[in-house]
Amino acid sequence: MKALLLAILAISAVSAGPLDDDLDFALAGLDSGADVALIQKDVADSYIEAQEFIQKGASKEKCDSVIKASEDAVKRNVAAEQTRINKKENGTKCFMEGQNQVSVARSALDTATIKLKDARKKLAGAQSTEVTWKYPFSKVSESNPGMFFKAEQYLIVKAKVKKMKELVQVTSGLLTQANKTYIAALKTAKVKMLKCQCTTYTKMQLEIKTVKAAIIKSNTKAWTKAAHLSCVLSGTPLKKCIVKAMPTVTAPKLAKGVGPNACHKPDTDLLKDSCKGFRLDQQCSKGKAAFQMYSSNVWQKTRKYECPEGWHQPKAAEYFSFMQKRGCYSNRNSGDHAGYNRCGQSGYRGPDGRTRYYYTFSDSASNTRYQHAGNYVGYQSNRNGQFKSHSTVSNWAGIVCMKGRAGTWG
């Protein structure tokens, strides 16, 4: 068992790309307890078998040959799996998701733009048409100027101008609709792209996990056998016999954008106030921090709250350090309350009449720290023991969000 743990620890020490932050699946990923038991037995027997092999008269050359053959077989197996994984979709095709609709909408937008430009040109031409009135002087009367507006040429030009104005109005409406369609197509394409990128990332994570477990299951015996045979050959006892890291597959490089961020889904149950539940702090952070308020004023400690795309929920230390570097601490930034009377709220009460005091961080449950809505942004001295001792806390306002990845602004 100790040798198996050494093997597993050695395997886990091998870097396997950006998807391998956690290799706890090494044994847990095997099909059953029977698989683990079988590996444990193979490893336990391996050293004894190596001793017996040499006791039967195997020469050093033969032992070296067996060691090399065993290790090479494992390397070939891993290499074959690596080649197969490298050929799997890495998310490049995700950039094309929804692009056909975008292309069609873009073409329609361009056409509508040209038509409106042409209609305006025609209107300008109609409006600049010269009108020549031809009347005998004897029939002209200063007391009846309306006669000029009944002249045939004037009426023809007037009708043309009216028609061109209507054409401009129609083509302007078509352009407005085409622009809306284009924007909608862009949004739809982005949603489809993110879904594809998230799916690709998730599938690759599962693939790497599954393959690594299979490699452990299928190759640990041969790899350990080679190591134990080498130890017996050199006279190294089992307790001091180190099984070097067994090769394993690494995650291939995924296309840009393919990763956990593609699976990010921001919270939508936000407070319906004048800030739509998301107030940027402009005074201290210059828009790099925000307070995200929720429709519920009860904090659920076990829930994972999410900021919008491109933002993250910081730890308390990151937020307070960032604010202090900008002179915002100990209520020094006069007038910049975090939430009090903000976004159309009445004091601490939102439009729903509920009271909200606490903005929490990603680690508030462990360190009890928070930003109080009634203190100035960056005030550091508040703690609430309920955050650690209670599963829910009332009078909660929401979470603090900061731009970029975690630690960017600390």
Protein backbone atom coordinates (compact mmCIF):
# COMPACT_ATOMS: atom_id res chain seq x y z
CA MET A 1 0.00 0.00 0.00
CA LYS A 2 2.85 2.37 0.83
CA ALA A 3 4.42 1.70 -2.56
CA LEU A 4 1.07 2.41 -4.22
CA LEU A 5 0.79 5.72 -2.40
CA LEU A 6 4.31 6.56 -3.49
CA ALA A 7 3.31 5.79 -7.06
CA ILE A 8 0.16 7.88 -6.85
CA LEU A 9 2.01 10.78 -5.24
CA ALA A 10 4.66 10.55 -7.91
CA ILE A 11 2.01 10.61 -10.62
CA SER A 12 0.30 13.60 -9.06
CA ALA A 13 3.58 15.50 -9.08
CA VAL A 14 3.60 15.45 -12.88
CA SER A 15 2.27 18.66 -14.41
CA ALA A 16 -0.52 17.86 -16.81
CA GLY A 17 -1.64 21.17 -18.21
CA PRO A 18 -4.16 23.80 -17.18
CA LEU A 19 -6.97 21.37 -16.42
CA ASP A 20 -5.06 19.45 -13.75
CA ASP A 21 -5.41 21.62 -10.66
CA ASP A 22 -6.61 18.62 -8.66
CA LEU A 23 -5.62 14.98 -9.14
CA ASP A 24 -7.63 13.54 -6.28
CA PHE A 25 -9.45 11.49 -8.89
CA ALA A 26 -6.36 9.25 -9.23
CA LEU A 27 -7.97 6.43 -7.28
CA ALA A 28 -11.52 7.74 -6.96
CA GLY A 29 -11.79 7.75 -10.75
CA LEU A 30 -11.37 3.99 -10.97
CA ASP A 31 -14.43 1.91 -11.75
CA SER A 32 -14.83 0.27 -8.36
CA GLY A 33 -13.23 -0.67 -5.09
CA ALA A 34 -12.27 -3.93 -6.74
CA ASP A 35 -10.03 -2.02 -9.16
CA VAL A 36 -8.26 -0.27 -6.28
CA ALA A 37 -7.88 -3.54 -4.41
CA LEU A 38 -6.40 -5.19 -7.51
CA ILE A 39 -3.83 -2.42 -7.94
CA GLN A 40 -2.95 -2.61 -4.27
CA LYS A 41 -2.39 -6.36 -4.58
CA ASP A 42 -0.30 -6.00 -7.73
CA VAL A 43 1.92 -3.41 -6.08
CA ALA A 44 2.23 -5.40 -2.86
CA ASP A 45 3.29 -8.50 -4.81
CA SER A 46 5.58 -6.65 -7.19
CA TYR A 47 8.65 -6.39 -4.96
CA ILE A 48 8.42 -10.06 -3.96
CA GLU A 49 8.06 -11.10 -7.60
CA ALA A 50 11.13 -9.02 -8.47
CA GLN A 51 13.11 -10.79 -5.75
CA GLU A 52 11.97 -14.20 -7.00
CA PHE A 53 12.86 -13.28 -10.59
CA ILE A 54 16.44 -12.50 -9.64
CA GLN A 55 16.70 -15.51 -7.31
CA LYS A 56 15.88 -17.73 -10.30
CA GLY A 57 19.10 -16.59 -11.87
CA ALA A 58 18.09 -13.67 -14.04
CA SER A 59 21.18 -11.74 -15.12
CA LYS A 60 21.58 -7.97 -14.80
CA GLU A 61 21.30 -7.67 -18.56
CA LYS A 62 18.01 -9.55 -18.58
CA CYS A 63 16.71 -7.50 -15.64
CA ASP A 64 17.67 -4.26 -17.41
CA SER A 65 15.89 -5.54 -20.52
CA VAL A 66 12.72 -6.30 -18.55
CA ILE A 67 12.84 -2.91 -16.81
CA LYS A 68 13.21 -1.09 -20.12
CA ALA A 69 10.51 -3.15 -21.81
CA SER A 70 8.05 -2.51 -18.97
CA GLU A 71 8.70 1.23 -18.90
CA ASP A 72 8.60 1.51 -22.70
CA ALA A 73 5.27 -0.31 -22.83
CA VAL A 74 3.75 2.16 -20.38
CA LYS A 75 5.21 5.11 -22.30
CA ARG A 76 3.77 3.76 -25.55
CA ASN A 77 0.34 3.37 -23.98
CA VAL A 78 0.41 6.92 -22.62
CA ALA A 79 1.72 8.32 -25.91
CA ALA A 80 -1.11 6.62 -27.82
CA GLU A 81 -3.67 8.15 -25.46
CA GLN A 82 -1.99 11.54 -25.73
CA THR A 83 -2.15 11.38 -29.54
CA ARG A 84 -5.83 10.52 -29.40
CA ILE A 85 -6.62 13.33 -26.95
CA ASN A 86 -4.65 15.86 -28.99
CA LYS A 87 -6.91 15.15 -31.96
CA LYS A 88 -10.07 15.97 -30.03
CA GLU A 89 -11.89 19.26 -30.64
CA ASN A 90 -10.13 22.04 -28.74
CA GLY A 91 -12.84 24.66 -29.17
CA THR A 92 -11.59 26.40 -32.32
CA LYS A 93 -14.92 25.77 -34.04
CA CYS A 94 -16.73 27.61 -31.23
CA PHE A 95 -15.82 30.96 -32.78
CA MET A 96 -18.05 30.06 -35.74
CA GLU A 97 -21.13 29.44 -33.64
CA GLY A 98 -23.95 31.71 -34.81
CA GLN A 99 -21.73 33.49 -37.34
CA ASN A 100 -23.96 32.54 -40.29
CA GLN A 101 -26.82 34.47 -38.70
CA VAL A 102 -24.48 37.36 -37.91
CA SER A 103 -23.29 37.44 -41.53
CA VAL A 104 -26.86 37.48 -42.85
CA ALA A 105 -27.85 40.22 -40.39
CA ARG A 106 -24.73 42.25 -41.23
CA SER A 107 -25.51 42.00 -44.95
CA ALA A 108 -29.09 43.14 -44.34
CA LEU A 109 -27.81 46.03 -42.22
CA ASP A 110 -25.40 47.11 -44.97
CA THR A 111 -28.17 46.91 -47.56
CA ALA A 112 -30.53 48.96 -45.37
CA THR A 113 -27.81 51.56 -44.83
CA ILE A 114 -27.26 51.93 -48.57
CA LYS A 115 -31.00 52.16 -49.25
CA LEU A 116 -31.46 54.91 -46.67
CA LYS A 117 -28.49 56.82 -48.07
CA ASP A 118 -29.95 56.51 -51.56
CA ALA A 119 -33.41 57.60 -50.36
CA ARG A 120 -31.96 60.68 -48.65
CA LYS A 121 -30.07 61.52 -51.81
CA LYS A 122 -33.24 61.25 -53.87
CA LEU A 123 -35.13 63.41 -51.37
CA ALA A 124 -32.41 66.05 -51.52
CA GLY A 125 -32.63 65.93 -55.30
CA ALA A 126 -36.39 66.31 -55.26
CA GLN A 127 -36.22 69.20 -52.81
CA SER A 128 -33.68 71.01 -54.98
CA THR A 129 -35.82 70.74 -58.15
CA GLU A 130 -36.45 74.19 -59.57
CA VAL A 131 -40.07 75.14 -60.19
CA THR A 132 -40.83 77.52 -63.03
CA TRP A 133 -44.23 79.15 -63.17
CA LYS A 134 -45.52 80.28 -66.57
CA TYR A 135 -48.50 82.64 -66.38
CA PRO A 136 -49.50 85.57 -68.61
CA PHE A 137 -49.03 88.73 -66.61
CA SER A 138 -52.66 89.56 -67.17
CA LYS A 139 -53.71 86.50 -65.18
CA VAL A 140 -51.40 87.13 -62.23
CA SER A 141 -53.09 88.65 -59.20
CA GLU A 142 -51.33 89.66 -56.00
CA SER A 143 -54.54 89.07 -54.14
CA ASN A 144 -54.55 85.37 -55.22
CA PRO A 145 -51.05 83.92 -54.57
CA GLY A 146 -52.61 80.47 -54.10
CA MET A 147 -52.74 80.05 -57.83
CA PHE A 148 -48.99 79.32 -57.82
CA PHE A 149 -49.54 76.27 -55.60
CA LYS A 150 -52.04 74.85 -58.06
CA ALA A 151 -49.66 74.95 -60.97
CA GLU A 152 -49.07 71.55 -62.59
CA GLN A 153 -45.25 71.57 -62.33
CA TYR A 154 -45.35 72.59 -58.68
CA LEU A 155 -47.82 69.80 -57.88
CA ILE A 156 -45.58 67.26 -59.66
CA VAL A 157 -42.51 68.32 -57.65
CA LYS A 158 -44.53 68.45 -54.44
CA ALA A 159 -45.77 64.88 -54.97
CA LYS A 160 -42.22 63.73 -55.71
CA VAL A 161 -40.87 65.32 -52.52
CA LYS A 162 -43.66 63.72 -50.52
CA LYS A 163 -42.90 60.33 -52.02
CA MET A 164 -39.17 60.68 -51.29
CA LYS A 165 -39.91 61.69 -47.67
CA GLU A 166 -42.03 58.57 -47.29
CA LEU A 167 -39.22 56.50 -48.79
CA VAL A 168 -36.73 57.97 -46.31
CA GLN A 169 -39.11 57.18 -43.47
CA VAL A 170 -39.57 53.58 -44.63
CA THR A 171 -35.87 52.93 -45.25
CA SER A 172 -35.01 54.57 -41.92
CA GLY A 173 -37.36 52.14 -40.19
CA LEU A 174 -35.84 49.22 -42.10
CA LEU A 175 -32.36 50.32 -41.00
CA THR A 176 -33.46 50.56 -37.37
CA GLN A 177 -34.91 47.04 -37.53
CA ALA A 178 -31.86 45.70 -39.36
CA ASN A 179 -29.60 47.15 -36.67
CA LYS A 180 -31.70 45.53 -33.92
CA THR A 181 -31.56 42.21 -35.75
CA TYR A 182 -27.80 42.51 -36.14
CA ILE A 183 -27.28 43.29 -32.44
CA ALA A 184 -29.54 40.37 -31.50
CA ALA A 185 -27.55 38.07 -33.81
CA LEU A 186 -24.31 39.16 -32.16
CA LYS A 187 -25.72 38.44 -28.71
CA THR A 188 -27.07 35.06 -29.80
CA ALA A 189 -23.75 34.17 -31.39
CA LYS A 190 -21.90 35.07 -28.20
CA VAL A 191 -24.24 32.89 -26.13
CA LYS A 192 -23.74 29.98 -28.54
CA MET A 193 -19.98 30.49 -28.57
CA LEU A 194 -19.78 30.50 -24.76
CA LYS A 195 -21.95 27.40 -24.56
CA CYS A 196 -19.68 25.62 -27.03
CA GLN A 197 -16.55 26.76 -25.19
CA CYS A 198 -17.96 25.64 -21.84
CA THR A 199 -19.00 22.25 -23.26
CA THR A 200 -15.57 21.75 -24.84
CA TYR A 201 -13.82 22.62 -21.58
CA THR A 202 -16.08 20.38 -19.49
CA LYS A 203 -15.68 17.44 -21.88
CA MET A 204 -11.92 17.82 -21.90
CA GLN A 205 -11.81 17.88 -18.11
CA LEU A 206 -13.81 14.65 -17.98
CA GLU A 207 -11.67 13.10 -20.72
CA ILE A 208 -8.41 13.85 -18.91
CA LYS A 209 -9.82 12.57 -15.63
CA THR A 210 -11.10 9.37 -17.20
CA VAL A 211 -7.92 8.67 -19.16
CA LYS A 212 -5.66 9.26 -16.17
CA ALA A 213 -7.70 6.85 -14.08
CA ALA A 214 -7.49 4.30 -16.91
CA ILE A 215 -3.72 4.76 -17.14
CA ILE A 216 -3.38 4.12 -13.41
CA LYS A 217 -5.58 1.05 -13.66
CA SER A 218 -3.82 -0.44 -16.69
CA ASN A 219 -0.19 0.54 -16.19
CA THR A 220 0.59 0.78 -12.47
CA LYS A 221 1.53 -2.93 -12.30
CA ALA A 222 4.06 -2.75 -15.15
CA TRP A 223 5.50 0.58 -14.02
CA THR A 224 5.88 -0.53 -10.39
CA LYS A 225 7.32 -3.86 -11.49
CA ALA A 226 10.11 -2.08 -13.37
CA ALA A 227 10.86 0.16 -10.37
CA HIS A 228 10.88 -2.72 -7.89
CA LEU A 229 13.06 -4.86 -10.12
CA SER A 230 15.55 -1.99 -10.33
CA CYS A 231 15.51 -1.62 -6.54
CA VAL A 232 16.04 -5.35 -5.92
CA LEU A 233 18.84 -5.35 -8.47
CA SER A 234 20.60 -2.50 -6.65
CA GLY A 235 19.91 -3.94 -3.22
CA THR A 236 17.47 -1.19 -2.18
CA PRO A 237 14.92 -2.41 0.39
CA LEU A 238 11.19 -1.89 -0.23
CA LYS A 239 10.91 0.84 2.41
CA LYS A 240 13.51 2.93 0.56
CA CYS A 241 12.43 1.97 -2.96
CA ILE A 242 11.06 5.04 -4.70
CA VAL A 243 8.72 4.55 -7.63
CA LYS A 244 9.37 7.47 -9.96
CA ALA A 245 6.55 9.39 -11.55
CA MET A 246 4.64 7.34 -14.06
CA PRO A 247 4.04 9.25 -17.31
CA THR A 248 0.52 10.40 -17.92
CA VAL A 249 -1.42 12.43 -20.43
CA THR A 250 -1.50 16.22 -20.37
CA ALA A 251 -4.37 18.43 -21.37
CA PRO A 252 -3.87 19.80 -24.89
CA LYS A 253 -3.83 23.54 -25.42
CA LEU A 254 -7.41 24.69 -25.80
CA ALA A 255 -8.56 27.49 -28.06
CA LYS A 256 -8.72 31.02 -26.70
CA GLY A 257 -11.74 31.49 -24.47
CA VAL A 258 -12.20 27.79 -23.75
CA GLY A 259 -12.05 27.45 -19.97
CA PRO A 260 -14.05 27.80 -16.75
CA ASN A 261 -14.90 31.44 -17.50
CA ALA A 262 -16.96 30.29 -20.48
CA CYS A 263 -19.19 28.40 -18.04
CA HIS A 264 -19.71 31.50 -15.91
CA LYS A 265 -23.36 32.42 -15.35
CA PRO A 266 -23.89 35.70 -13.48
CA ASP A 267 -26.68 35.99 -10.94
CA THR A 268 -29.96 37.44 -12.19
CA ASP A 269 -32.02 37.68 -8.97
CA LEU A 270 -30.85 41.24 -8.33
CA LEU A 271 -32.63 44.08 -6.58
CA LYS A 272 -34.89 46.11 -8.86
CA ASP A 273 -33.69 49.56 -7.84
CA SER A 274 -32.57 52.48 -10.00
CA CYS A 275 -29.13 50.86 -10.40
CA LYS A 276 -30.70 47.54 -11.44
CA GLY A 277 -28.98 45.86 -8.52
CA PHE A 278 -25.42 46.79 -9.57
CA ARG A 279 -23.86 50.05 -8.39
CA LEU A 280 -20.40 51.03 -9.61
CA ASP A 281 -18.15 52.77 -7.11
CA GLN A 282 -16.78 55.73 -9.01
CA GLN A 283 -15.24 57.77 -6.18
CA CYS A 284 -12.69 55.37 -4.67
CA SER A 285 -12.18 52.61 -7.23
CA LYS A 286 -12.98 54.64 -10.35
CA GLY A 287 -15.36 51.94 -11.55
CA LYS A 288 -13.18 48.96 -10.67
CA ALA A 289 -15.38 47.89 -7.74
CA ALA A 290 -19.15 47.55 -7.48
CA PHE A 291 -21.88 46.55 -5.04
CA GLN A 292 -24.25 43.88 -6.33
CA MET A 293 -27.60 43.93 -4.51
CA TYR A 294 -30.10 41.08 -4.42
CA SER A 295 -33.89 40.88 -4.30
CA SER A 296 -33.57 38.74 -1.17
CA ASN A 297 -32.03 40.34 1.91
CA VAL A 298 -31.07 36.97 3.41
CA TRP A 299 -27.55 35.69 2.83
CA GLN A 300 -27.34 31.95 2.10
CA LYS A 301 -23.86 30.95 3.26
CA THR A 302 -23.66 27.79 1.17
CA ARG A 303 -24.69 29.49 -2.08
CA LYS A 304 -22.00 30.49 -4.57
CA TYR A 305 -22.79 34.03 -5.67
CA GLU A 306 -21.61 35.20 -9.10
CA CYS A 307 -20.61 38.64 -10.38
CA PRO A 308 -21.16 39.67 -14.03
CA GLU A 309 -18.84 38.42 -16.76
CA GLY A 310 -15.42 40.04 -16.42
CA TRP A 311 -15.86 40.58 -12.66
CA HIS A 312 -15.18 38.44 -9.60
CA GLN A 313 -16.20 38.37 -5.94
CA PRO A 314 -12.99 39.23 -4.06
CA LYS A 315 -11.73 38.07 -0.72
CA ALA A 316 -11.95 40.71 2.00
CA ALA A 317 -8.18 41.31 2.06
CA GLU A 318 -8.03 42.02 -1.68
CA TYR A 319 -10.87 44.55 -1.50
CA PHE A 320 -9.70 46.39 1.62
CA SER A 321 -6.08 46.48 0.47
CA PHE A 322 -7.15 47.93 -2.87
CA MET A 323 -9.28 50.60 -1.21
CA GLN A 324 -6.66 51.56 1.38
CA LYS A 325 -4.06 52.12 -1.35
CA ARG A 326 -6.48 54.68 -2.74
CA GLY A 327 -6.98 56.43 0.59
CA CYS A 328 -10.42 54.88 1.22
CA TYR A 329 -10.43 53.44 4.75
CA SER A 330 -11.56 54.33 8.26
CA ASN A 331 -14.41 56.47 6.88
CA ARG A 332 -11.90 58.89 5.33
CA ASN A 333 -13.63 59.21 1.95
CA SER A 334 -16.45 61.44 3.15
CA GLY A 335 -19.78 61.08 1.38
CA ASP A 336 -19.09 57.85 -0.46
CA HIS A 337 -21.47 55.49 1.33
CA ALA A 338 -21.48 51.94 0.04
CA GLY A 339 -25.26 51.65 -0.05
CA TYR A 340 -27.02 54.11 2.24
CA ASN A 341 -29.46 56.29 0.26
CA ARG A 342 -27.98 54.97 -2.97
CA CYS A 343 -29.81 53.92 -6.13
CA GLY A 344 -33.13 55.33 -4.99
CA GLN A 345 -33.05 53.56 -1.63
CA SER A 346 -34.43 55.22 1.47
CA GLY A 347 -31.62 54.91 3.96
CA TYR A 348 -31.02 51.18 4.28
CA ARG A 349 -34.38 50.25 2.75
CA GLY A 350 -34.71 49.24 -0.86
CA PRO A 351 -37.80 49.80 -3.04
CA ASP A 352 -39.26 46.61 -1.53
CA GLY A 353 -39.05 48.10 2.00
CA ARG A 354 -36.51 45.54 3.21
CA THR A 355 -33.46 46.57 5.25
CA ARG A 356 -29.99 45.87 3.87
CA TYR A 357 -26.71 46.38 5.75
CA TYR A 358 -24.04 43.83 4.74
CA TYR A 359 -22.02 43.42 1.55
CA THR A 360 -20.10 40.15 1.80
CA PHE A 361 -16.90 38.79 0.25
CA SER A 362 -16.02 35.32 -1.01
CA ASP A 363 -14.44 34.50 2.37
CA SER A 364 -16.84 36.33 4.71
CA ALA A 365 -18.11 33.02 6.11
CA SER A 366 -14.66 32.27 7.54
CA ASN A 367 -13.36 35.71 8.58
CA THR A 368 -16.74 37.43 9.29
CA ARG A 369 -15.65 40.63 7.48
CA TYR A 370 -18.00 42.78 5.39
CA GLN A 371 -18.54 46.22 3.91
CA HIS A 372 -21.35 48.01 5.72
CA ALA A 373 -23.85 49.84 3.50
CA GLY A 374 -23.87 52.81 5.86
CA ASN A 375 -20.10 53.18 6.16
CA TYR A 376 -17.92 54.84 3.60
CA VAL A 377 -16.40 52.59 0.95
CA GLY A 378 -13.31 50.79 2.32
CA TYR A 379 -14.14 51.03 6.03
CA GLN A 380 -12.42 47.96 7.48
CA SER A 381 -13.42 47.51 11.11
CA ASN A 382 -16.70 45.60 10.77
CA ARG A 383 -17.15 41.94 11.64
CA ASN A 384 -20.25 39.84 12.20
CA GLY A 385 -19.95 36.56 14.10
CA GLN A 386 -23.23 35.36 12.58
CA PHE A 387 -21.42 34.87 9.27
CA LYS A 388 -19.50 31.99 10.84
CA SER A 389 -22.11 30.58 13.21
CA HIS A 390 -25.30 30.89 11.12
CA SER A 391 -26.22 29.29 7.80
CA THR A 392 -28.30 32.36 6.89
CA VAL A 393 -28.01 36.03 7.86
CA SER A 394 -30.76 38.64 7.55
CA ASN A 395 -30.40 42.31 6.59
CA TRP A 396 -27.94 41.29 3.91
CA ALA A 397 -27.41 43.72 1.00
CA GLY A 398 -25.40 41.67 -1.48
CA ILE A 399 -21.83 41.03 -2.56
CA VAL A 400 -18.82 43.10 -3.51
CA CYS A 401 -17.60 42.65 -7.10
CA MET A 402 -14.28 43.73 -8.60
CA LYS A 403 -13.16 43.88 -12.22
CA GLY A 404 -10.86 41.24 -13.67
CA ARG A 405 -9.59 38.00 -12.18
CA ALA A 406 -9.19 37.35 -8.47
CA GLY A 407 -6.13 39.11 -7.08
CA THR A 408 -5.91 41.59 -9.96
CA TRP A 409 -6.30 44.66 -7.80
CA GLY A 410 -5.01 43.45 -4.41
